[in-house]
Amino acid sequence: MSRRARPIAIAWTSRHRRPRGLSDARIRRAAELALEHGGRAGEGLSIVFVDDPELAAMHADWLDDPTPTDVISFDLGGGAGGPMGELYVSTERARAVARRRGLDVVREHLLYVVHGTLHLCGHDDRKPRDRARMRRAEGTVLARLPSQRRK
């Protein structure tokens, strides 16, 4: 018996423009692959892209830490056909980190989507051993994404 996949909703609430090449399809695929890797294939998610001040306020309200962060995950349980969780991703953080490290900004956004989704699947990154496991999982998922070719 096949299970019907739940939708992955994507919203941009930030005042920042979406990076060229970061389509809803790429975001959705990154989340799907992370859910599959985490043993939660077919689950639904809501992914919201916000700016640093909005995410820092959420970080303070929900985690008692007012510092900026890259992504916050909320486990909603997925009951009654609803999404299993919500991700809030900082577009400003992705741009700043990508610029500082000389990385592709699209890939950095996708990394945050993968990271937050893996948290919802039970991965943790507080202890060094767990962090190493999380990094391996991120690498495995990102390697399965089609590379972006820019002209």
Foldseek 3Di string as FASTA:
>chain_A
DDDAAAAEAEEEPEPDDDDPPQDPVLLRLLLQLLCVLLVNHRAYEYEYEYAFQVQLVVCCVPVVGNHGDAKDKDQPCCPPNDGRIYMYGHLVVLVVVCVVVVHDSSLSRSLRSSLRSNVSSPQDCPDPVSVVVSVVSSVVSSVPRDDDDDD
